[in-house]
Amino acid sequence: MGVFFSDTLRYSSLARVGPSLQSLLNTTTAPFALALGFLVLGQVVSGLSIIGVGIVFGGLVLAIFSRNSDALVRFSGKSGNVTSGILFGLASALSQAGSVLVAAPVMLDGTDLISATFVRSLAGSLSLLLTVVLSTERKAQIRSMSVPIARQVF
């Protein structure tokens, strides 16, 4: 879930809003994990944690809306991409928080960290590979890569 879905959403956001805004959007992972822990696992949330969530989201909103509108569209060149980039970024953070929630019970059972990371990475890599193998468009993109870029990727 985290490697495949979350990273796909993150890169979709990155392509639309650029690295600085996407990094800001990624800061919402912890508040989303806190909210999901409360809603799904029934974890107790302290007042201080709620204040922290408010500060993170408030800072994010302030950072986004205090930017020059030209700066927001500078990366992708299209103003319509900013909204979708923000939504993809928030969805990525929510997905990443969900993957942490899924992994929590496994880790609490004493599963080896390295083994769990290996399984998670392998599942994500196979999922990504499957989308490449099944997509003729992706195959064509890989074939059209220049040799120096292909060496960096592979």
N, C-alpha and C. Protein backbone atom coordinates (compact mmCIF):
# COMPACT_ATOMS: atom_id res chain seq x y z
N MET A 1 0.83 -1.19 0.00
CA MET A 1 0.00 0.00 0.00
C MET A 1 0.87 1.25 0.00
N GLY A 2 1.86 1.31 0.89
CA GLY A 2 2.69 2.50 0.99
C GLY A 2 3.61 2.68 -0.18
N VAL A 3 4.30 1.61 -0.58
CA VAL A 3 5.28 1.72 -1.65
C VAL A 3 4.58 1.95 -2.99
N PHE A 4 3.54 1.23 -3.25
CA PHE A 4 2.88 1.32 -4.54
C PHE A 4 1.93 2.51 -4.62
N PHE A 5 0.91 2.50 -3.83
CA PHE A 5 -0.15 3.51 -3.94
C PHE A 5 0.31 4.88 -3.46
N SER A 6 0.91 4.93 -2.29
CA SER A 6 1.33 6.21 -1.73
C SER A 6 2.40 6.88 -2.57
N ASP A 7 3.37 6.12 -3.01
CA ASP A 7 4.44 6.72 -3.82
C ASP A 7 3.92 7.17 -5.19
N THR A 8 2.99 6.43 -5.76
CA THR A 8 2.41 6.84 -7.03
C THR A 8 1.68 8.17 -6.87
N LEU A 9 0.92 8.30 -5.80
CA LEU A 9 0.24 9.57 -5.53
C LEU A 9 1.24 10.69 -5.25
N ARG A 10 2.29 10.36 -4.52
CA ARG A 10 3.31 11.37 -4.19
C ARG A 10 3.98 11.90 -5.46
N TYR A 11 4.34 11.02 -6.37
CA TYR A 11 4.99 11.46 -7.60
C TYR A 11 4.01 12.22 -8.50
N SER A 12 2.74 11.85 -8.45
CA SER A 12 1.73 12.62 -9.20
C SER A 12 1.65 14.04 -8.64
N SER A 13 1.71 14.16 -7.33
CA SER A 13 1.71 15.47 -6.70
C SER A 13 2.98 16.24 -7.06
N LEU A 14 4.10 15.58 -6.96
CA LEU A 14 5.39 16.21 -7.24
C LEU A 14 5.44 16.79 -8.65
N ALA A 15 4.90 16.06 -9.61
CA ALA A 15 4.90 16.53 -11.00
C ALA A 15 4.04 17.78 -11.18
N ARG A 16 3.06 17.98 -10.30
CA ARG A 16 2.15 19.11 -10.44
C ARG A 16 2.53 20.33 -9.61
N VAL A 17 3.10 20.10 -8.42
CA VAL A 17 3.34 21.25 -7.53
C VAL A 17 4.80 21.47 -7.18
N GLY A 18 5.67 20.54 -7.56
CA GLY A 18 7.08 20.72 -7.27
C GLY A 18 7.49 20.16 -5.92
N PRO A 19 8.79 20.09 -5.69
CA PRO A 19 9.30 19.43 -4.49
C PRO A 19 9.04 20.19 -3.18
N SER A 20 9.08 21.49 -3.19
CA SER A 20 8.91 22.21 -1.91
C SER A 20 7.48 22.09 -1.40
N LEU A 21 6.49 22.28 -2.25
CA LEU A 21 5.11 22.17 -1.80
C LEU A 21 4.76 20.71 -1.51
N GLN A 22 5.29 19.80 -2.30
CA GLN A 22 5.00 18.38 -2.04
C GLN A 22 5.58 17.96 -0.70
N SER A 23 6.75 18.47 -0.34
CA SER A 23 7.34 18.17 0.96
C SER A 23 6.47 18.69 2.09
N LEU A 24 5.90 19.88 1.89
CA LEU A 24 4.98 20.41 2.89
C LEU A 24 3.75 19.51 3.04
N LEU A 25 3.22 19.07 1.92
CA LEU A 25 2.04 18.20 1.97
C LEU A 25 2.36 16.89 2.68
N ASN A 26 3.58 16.42 2.54
CA ASN A 26 3.98 15.16 3.18
C ASN A 26 4.00 15.27 4.70
N THR A 27 4.07 16.50 5.23
CA THR A 27 4.06 16.66 6.69
C THR A 27 2.72 16.29 7.31
N THR A 28 1.71 16.09 6.49
CA THR A 28 0.40 15.72 7.03
C THR A 28 0.29 14.22 7.33
N THR A 29 1.32 13.45 7.02
CA THR A 29 1.27 12.00 7.29
C THR A 29 1.05 11.73 8.77
N ALA A 30 1.80 12.40 9.64
CA ALA A 30 1.66 12.14 11.09
C ALA A 30 0.27 12.51 11.61
N PRO A 31 -0.28 13.67 11.27
CA PRO A 31 -1.65 13.95 11.73
C PRO A 31 -2.68 12.96 11.18
N PHE A 32 -2.50 12.54 9.93
CA PHE A 32 -3.42 11.54 9.37
C PHE A 32 -3.28 10.21 10.14
N ALA A 33 -2.07 9.82 10.48
CA ALA A 33 -1.86 8.59 11.24
C ALA A 33 -2.51 8.69 12.62
N LEU A 34 -2.40 9.85 13.23
CA LEU A 34 -3.03 10.07 14.53
C LEU A 34 -4.55 9.94 14.41
N ALA A 35 -5.13 10.57 13.39
CA ALA A 35 -6.58 10.52 13.20
C ALA A 35 -7.04 9.10 12.89
N LEU A 36 -6.31 8.39 12.02
CA LEU A 36 -6.68 7.01 11.70
C LEU A 36 -6.54 6.10 12.91
N GLY A 37 -5.50 6.32 13.70
CA GLY A 37 -5.33 5.53 14.92
C GLY A 37 -6.49 5.72 15.87
N PHE A 38 -6.96 6.95 15.95
CA PHE A 38 -8.11 7.25 16.81
C PHE A 38 -9.38 6.62 16.25
N LEU A 39 -9.63 6.81 14.95
CA LEU A 39 -10.87 6.34 14.34
C LEU A 39 -10.92 4.83 14.16
N VAL A 40 -9.81 4.21 13.78
CA VAL A 40 -9.82 2.79 13.44
C VAL A 40 -9.42 1.92 14.63
N LEU A 41 -8.35 2.32 15.33
CA LEU A 41 -7.85 1.50 16.43
C LEU A 41 -8.37 1.92 17.80
N GLY A 42 -9.07 3.05 17.84
CA GLY A 42 -9.59 3.53 19.11
C GLY A 42 -8.52 4.04 20.06
N GLN A 43 -7.40 4.48 19.49
CA GLN A 43 -6.33 5.00 20.34
C GLN A 43 -6.76 6.31 21.00
N VAL A 44 -6.22 6.54 22.18
CA VAL A 44 -6.52 7.76 22.91
C VAL A 44 -5.64 8.89 22.36
N VAL A 45 -6.25 10.02 22.09
CA VAL A 45 -5.53 11.18 21.56
C VAL A 45 -5.58 12.29 22.60
N SER A 46 -4.41 12.78 22.95
CA SER A 46 -4.34 13.84 23.97
C SER A 46 -4.68 15.19 23.35
N GLY A 47 -5.02 16.13 24.22
CA GLY A 47 -5.30 17.49 23.78
C GLY A 47 -4.10 18.12 23.10
N LEU A 48 -2.91 17.82 23.62
CA LEU A 48 -1.69 18.36 23.03
C LEU A 48 -1.49 17.83 21.60
N SER A 49 -1.85 16.57 21.37
CA SER A 49 -1.75 16.00 20.02
C SER A 49 -2.70 16.70 19.06
N ILE A 50 -3.90 16.99 19.54
CA ILE A 50 -4.88 17.69 18.70
C ILE A 50 -4.38 19.10 18.37
N ILE A 51 -3.77 19.76 19.33
CA ILE A 51 -3.19 21.08 19.08
C ILE A 51 -2.07 20.95 18.03
N GLY A 52 -1.25 19.92 18.15
CA GLY A 52 -0.18 19.69 17.17
C GLY A 52 -0.73 19.49 15.77
N VAL A 53 -1.81 18.73 15.65
CA VAL A 53 -2.44 18.51 14.34
C VAL A 53 -2.92 19.85 13.79
N GLY A 54 -3.53 20.65 14.63
CA GLY A 54 -3.99 21.96 14.20
C GLY A 54 -2.85 22.85 13.72
N ILE A 55 -1.73 22.80 14.43
CA ILE A 55 -0.57 23.60 14.03
C ILE A 55 -0.03 23.13 12.68
N VAL A 56 0.06 21.81 12.49
CA VAL A 56 0.57 21.29 11.21
C VAL A 56 -0.34 21.72 10.06
N PHE A 57 -1.65 21.50 10.21
CA PHE A 57 -2.56 21.86 9.12
C PHE A 57 -2.64 23.37 8.94
N GLY A 58 -2.63 24.11 10.04
CA GLY A 58 -2.64 25.57 9.94
C GLY A 58 -1.40 26.09 9.22
N GLY A 59 -0.25 25.54 9.56
CA GLY A 59 0.99 25.93 8.90
C GLY A 59 0.97 25.57 7.43
N LEU A 60 0.41 24.42 7.10
CA LEU A 60 0.32 24.00 5.71
C LEU A 60 -0.57 24.96 4.91
N VAL A 61 -1.73 25.28 5.45
CA VAL A 61 -2.64 26.20 4.77
C VAL A 61 -1.98 27.57 4.61
N LEU A 62 -1.32 28.04 5.66
CA LEU A 62 -0.63 29.32 5.61
C LEU A 62 0.48 29.30 4.55
N ALA A 63 1.24 28.22 4.51
CA ALA A 63 2.33 28.12 3.54
C ALA A 63 1.81 28.08 2.10
N ILE A 64 0.71 27.40 1.88
CA ILE A 64 0.16 27.31 0.53
C ILE A 64 -0.41 28.65 0.08
N PHE A 65 -1.22 29.25 0.95
CA PHE A 65 -1.90 30.48 0.54
C PHE A 65 -1.04 31.73 0.62
N SER A 66 0.09 31.65 1.31
CA SER A 66 0.97 32.82 1.36
C SER A 66 1.93 32.86 0.17
N ARG A 67 1.94 31.80 -0.61
CA ARG A 67 2.81 31.76 -1.78
C ARG A 67 2.24 32.63 -2.90
N ASN A 68 3.11 33.15 -3.65
CA ASN A 68 2.74 33.89 -4.84
C ASN A 68 2.09 32.90 -5.80
N SER A 69 1.00 33.30 -6.44
CA SER A 69 0.30 32.37 -7.34
C SER A 69 1.21 31.94 -8.49
N ASP A 70 2.13 32.82 -8.91
CA ASP A 70 3.08 32.42 -9.95
C ASP A 70 4.01 31.31 -9.47
N ALA A 71 4.36 31.36 -8.18
CA ALA A 71 5.24 30.32 -7.62
C ALA A 71 4.53 28.98 -7.58
N LEU A 72 3.23 28.99 -7.36
CA LEU A 72 2.48 27.73 -7.31
C LEU A 72 2.41 27.05 -8.66
N VAL A 73 2.32 27.84 -9.73
CA VAL A 73 2.21 27.24 -11.06
C VAL A 73 3.54 27.14 -11.78
N ARG A 74 4.59 27.66 -11.17
CA ARG A 74 5.89 27.68 -11.84
C ARG A 74 6.39 26.28 -12.18
N PHE A 75 6.13 25.31 -11.32
CA PHE A 75 6.68 23.99 -11.54
C PHE A 75 6.02 23.28 -12.72
N SER A 76 4.68 23.27 -12.74
CA SER A 76 3.99 22.55 -13.81
C SER A 76 3.58 23.45 -14.96
N GLY A 77 3.49 24.75 -14.69
CA GLY A 77 3.10 25.68 -15.74
C GLY A 77 1.60 25.79 -15.95
N LYS A 78 0.82 25.06 -15.18
CA LYS A 78 -0.63 25.08 -15.35
C LYS A 78 -1.30 25.31 -14.00
N SER A 79 -2.18 26.30 -13.93
CA SER A 79 -2.82 26.61 -12.65
C SER A 79 -3.77 25.50 -12.20
N GLY A 80 -4.37 24.77 -13.14
CA GLY A 80 -5.28 23.68 -12.78
C GLY A 80 -4.56 22.52 -12.10
N ASN A 81 -3.26 22.42 -12.32
CA ASN A 81 -2.50 21.33 -11.73
C ASN A 81 -2.25 21.53 -10.24
N VAL A 82 -2.33 22.76 -9.76
CA VAL A 82 -2.04 23.03 -8.36
C VAL A 82 -3.05 22.33 -7.46
N THR A 83 -4.33 22.49 -7.75
CA THR A 83 -5.36 21.86 -6.91
C THR A 83 -5.22 20.34 -6.94
N SER A 84 -5.06 19.77 -8.12
CA SER A 84 -4.92 18.31 -8.19
C SER A 84 -3.62 17.87 -7.53
N GLY A 85 -2.56 18.67 -7.65
CA GLY A 85 -1.30 18.33 -6.99
C GLY A 85 -1.43 18.32 -5.49
N ILE A 86 -2.16 19.29 -4.95
CA ILE A 86 -2.40 19.34 -3.50
C ILE A 86 -3.23 18.14 -3.07
N LEU A 87 -4.26 17.82 -3.83
CA LEU A 87 -5.11 16.67 -3.49
C LEU A 87 -4.33 15.35 -3.58
N PHE A 88 -3.51 15.20 -4.61
CA PHE A 88 -2.67 14.00 -4.72
C PHE A 88 -1.70 13.92 -3.54
N GLY A 89 -1.13 15.05 -3.14
CA GLY A 89 -0.19 15.08 -2.02
C GLY A 89 -0.86 14.68 -0.71
N LEU A 90 -2.06 15.22 -0.48
CA LEU A 90 -2.80 14.86 0.74
C LEU A 90 -3.23 13.39 0.71
N ALA A 91 -3.64 12.92 -0.46
CA ALA A 91 -4.01 11.50 -0.59
C ALA A 91 -2.81 10.60 -0.36
N SER A 92 -1.64 11.03 -0.82
CA SER A 92 -0.41 10.27 -0.58
C SER A 92 -0.12 10.17 0.92
N ALA A 93 -0.23 11.29 1.62
CA ALA A 93 0.02 11.29 3.06
C ALA A 93 -0.99 10.42 3.79
N LEU A 94 -2.24 10.48 3.39
CA LEU A 94 -3.28 9.65 4.00
C LEU A 94 -3.02 8.17 3.74
N SER A 95 -2.62 7.84 2.53
CA SER A 95 -2.29 6.46 2.17
C SER A 95 -1.09 5.95 2.97
N GLN A 96 -0.09 6.81 3.11
CA GLN A 96 1.09 6.42 3.89
C GLN A 96 0.71 6.19 5.35
N ALA A 97 -0.14 7.06 5.87
CA ALA A 97 -0.61 6.88 7.26
C ALA A 97 -1.39 5.57 7.40
N GLY A 98 -2.18 5.25 6.38
CA GLY A 98 -2.92 3.99 6.40
C GLY A 98 -2.00 2.79 6.38
N SER A 99 -0.91 2.88 5.64
CA SER A 99 0.03 1.76 5.59
C SER A 99 0.73 1.57 6.94
N VAL A 100 0.96 2.66 7.64
CA VAL A 100 1.53 2.57 8.99
C VAL A 100 0.53 1.89 9.92
N LEU A 101 -0.72 2.23 9.75
CA LEU A 101 -1.78 1.64 10.57
C LEU A 101 -1.88 0.13 10.34
N VAL A 102 -1.75 -0.29 9.08
CA VAL A 102 -1.79 -1.71 8.74
C VAL A 102 -0.58 -2.44 9.32
N ALA A 103 0.58 -1.78 9.30
CA ALA A 103 1.80 -2.42 9.78
C ALA A 103 1.90 -2.47 11.31
N ALA A 104 1.19 -1.60 11.98
CA ALA A 104 1.31 -1.50 13.45
C ALA A 104 1.06 -2.83 14.17
N PRO A 105 -0.04 -3.53 13.89
CA PRO A 105 -0.27 -4.80 14.61
C PRO A 105 0.81 -5.84 14.33
N VAL A 106 1.32 -5.85 13.11
CA VAL A 106 2.38 -6.80 12.75
C VAL A 106 3.64 -6.50 13.56
N MET A 107 3.98 -5.21 13.65
CA MET A 107 5.18 -4.82 14.39
C MET A 107 5.01 -5.05 15.89
N LEU A 108 3.81 -4.86 16.39
CA LEU A 108 3.57 -5.09 17.82
C LEU A 108 3.68 -6.56 18.20
N ASP A 109 3.49 -7.45 17.22
CA ASP A 109 3.64 -8.88 17.47
C ASP A 109 5.08 -9.32 17.52
N GLY A 110 6.02 -8.39 17.30
CA GLY A 110 7.43 -8.72 17.40
C GLY A 110 8.07 -9.15 16.09
N THR A 111 7.43 -8.84 14.98
CA THR A 111 8.00 -9.19 13.68
C THR A 111 9.33 -8.47 13.49
N ASP A 112 10.27 -9.17 12.90
CA ASP A 112 11.58 -8.59 12.61
C ASP A 112 11.42 -7.42 11.65
N LEU A 113 12.01 -6.29 11.99
CA LEU A 113 11.90 -5.06 11.22
C LEU A 113 12.44 -5.23 9.80
N ILE A 114 13.60 -5.85 9.67
CA ILE A 114 14.20 -6.03 8.35
C ILE A 114 13.33 -6.93 7.47
N SER A 115 12.80 -8.01 8.04
CA SER A 115 11.94 -8.92 7.28
C SER A 115 10.66 -8.21 6.84
N ALA A 116 10.07 -7.44 7.73
CA ALA A 116 8.84 -6.71 7.39
C ALA A 116 9.12 -5.68 6.30
N THR A 117 10.24 -5.00 6.39
CA THR A 117 10.60 -4.01 5.36
C THR A 117 10.83 -4.70 4.02
N PHE A 118 11.47 -5.85 4.05
CA PHE A 118 11.71 -6.60 2.82
C PHE A 118 10.39 -7.00 2.16
N VAL A 119 9.47 -7.55 2.93
CA VAL A 119 8.18 -7.98 2.38
C VAL A 119 7.42 -6.79 1.82
N ARG A 120 7.42 -5.68 2.55
CA ARG A 120 6.72 -4.47 2.11
C ARG A 120 7.33 -3.94 0.81
N SER A 121 8.65 -3.88 0.76
CA SER A 121 9.33 -3.38 -0.43
C SER A 121 9.13 -4.31 -1.62
N LEU A 122 9.20 -5.62 -1.39
CA LEU A 122 9.00 -6.58 -2.46
C LEU A 122 7.58 -6.49 -3.02
N ALA A 123 6.60 -6.41 -2.15
CA ALA A 123 5.21 -6.31 -2.61
C ALA A 123 5.00 -5.02 -3.41
N GLY A 124 5.55 -3.93 -2.94
CA GLY A 124 5.42 -2.67 -3.65
C GLY A 124 6.13 -2.70 -5.00
N SER A 125 7.32 -3.27 -5.01
CA SER A 125 8.08 -3.36 -6.26
C SER A 125 7.37 -4.24 -7.28
N LEU A 126 6.84 -5.35 -6.84
CA LEU A 126 6.10 -6.23 -7.76
C LEU A 126 4.85 -5.55 -8.28
N SER A 127 4.18 -4.79 -7.43
CA SER A 127 2.99 -4.05 -7.87
C SER A 127 3.35 -3.02 -8.93
N LEU A 128 4.45 -2.31 -8.72
CA LEU A 128 4.89 -1.32 -9.70
C LEU A 128 5.32 -2.00 -11.00
N LEU A 129 6.02 -3.09 -10.87
CA LEU A 129 6.48 -3.83 -12.05
C LEU A 129 5.29 -4.35 -12.85
N LEU A 130 4.26 -4.80 -12.16
CA LEU A 130 3.06 -5.31 -12.82
C LEU A 130 2.41 -4.21 -13.66
N THR A 131 2.36 -2.99 -13.13
CA THR A 131 1.76 -1.90 -13.91
C THR A 131 2.59 -1.57 -15.15
N VAL A 132 3.89 -1.72 -15.05
CA VAL A 132 4.76 -1.48 -16.22
C VAL A 132 4.56 -2.58 -17.25
N VAL A 133 4.53 -3.83 -16.80
CA VAL A 133 4.40 -4.96 -17.72
C VAL A 133 3.06 -4.93 -18.44
N LEU A 134 2.02 -4.50 -17.75
CA LEU A 134 0.68 -4.50 -18.35
C LEU A 134 0.37 -3.25 -19.16
N SER A 135 1.22 -2.25 -19.11
CA SER A 135 0.95 -0.99 -19.79
C SER A 135 1.87 -0.81 -21.00
N THR A 136 1.29 -0.78 -22.18
CA THR A 136 2.10 -0.57 -23.38
C THR A 136 2.68 0.84 -23.39
N GLU A 137 1.96 1.80 -22.81
CA GLU A 137 2.46 3.17 -22.74
C GLU A 137 3.73 3.24 -21.90
N ARG A 138 3.74 2.56 -20.76
CA ARG A 138 4.93 2.56 -19.89
C ARG A 138 6.10 1.85 -20.56
N LYS A 139 5.83 0.75 -21.26
CA LYS A 139 6.90 0.06 -21.97
C LYS A 139 7.54 0.98 -23.00
N ALA A 140 6.71 1.74 -23.71
CA ALA A 140 7.22 2.66 -24.72
C ALA A 140 8.06 3.77 -24.06
N GLN A 141 7.63 4.24 -22.91
CA GLN A 141 8.40 5.27 -22.20
C GLN A 141 9.77 4.74 -21.79
N ILE A 142 9.82 3.52 -21.31
CA ILE A 142 11.09 2.93 -20.89
C ILE A 142 12.00 2.75 -22.11
N ARG A 143 11.44 2.28 -23.22
CA ARG A 143 12.24 2.09 -24.42
C ARG A 143 12.80 3.41 -24.96
N SER A 144 12.07 4.51 -24.73
CA SER A 144 12.50 5.80 -25.27
C SER A 144 13.51 6.52 -24.37
N MET A 145 13.82 5.96 -23.21
CA MET A 145 14.80 6.60 -22.32
C MET A 145 16.18 6.59 -22.95
N SER A 146 16.90 7.69 -22.73
CA SER A 146 18.28 7.71 -23.20
C SER A 146 19.11 6.79 -22.30
N VAL A 147 20.23 6.35 -22.78
CA VAL A 147 21.08 5.42 -22.03
C VAL A 147 21.51 6.00 -20.67
N PRO A 148 21.96 7.28 -20.58
CA PRO A 148 22.36 7.81 -19.26
C PRO A 148 21.20 7.84 -18.25
N ILE A 149 20.00 8.18 -18.73
CA ILE A 149 18.85 8.19 -17.82
C ILE A 149 18.49 6.78 -17.41
N ALA A 150 18.48 5.85 -18.34
CA ALA A 150 18.18 4.47 -18.02
C ALA A 150 19.16 3.91 -16.99
N ARG A 151 20.44 4.27 -17.11
CA ARG A 151 21.43 3.80 -16.13
C ARG A 151 21.14 4.36 -14.74
N GLN A 152 20.67 5.60 -14.67
CA GLN A 152 20.32 6.19 -13.37
C GLN A 152 19.13 5.49 -12.76
N VAL A 153 18.15 5.16 -13.60
CA VAL A 153 16.93 4.51 -13.12
C VAL A 153 17.21 3.08 -12.70
N PHE A 154 17.97 2.37 -13.53
CA PHE A 154 18.22 0.95 -13.25
C PHE A 154 19.59 0.79 -12.66
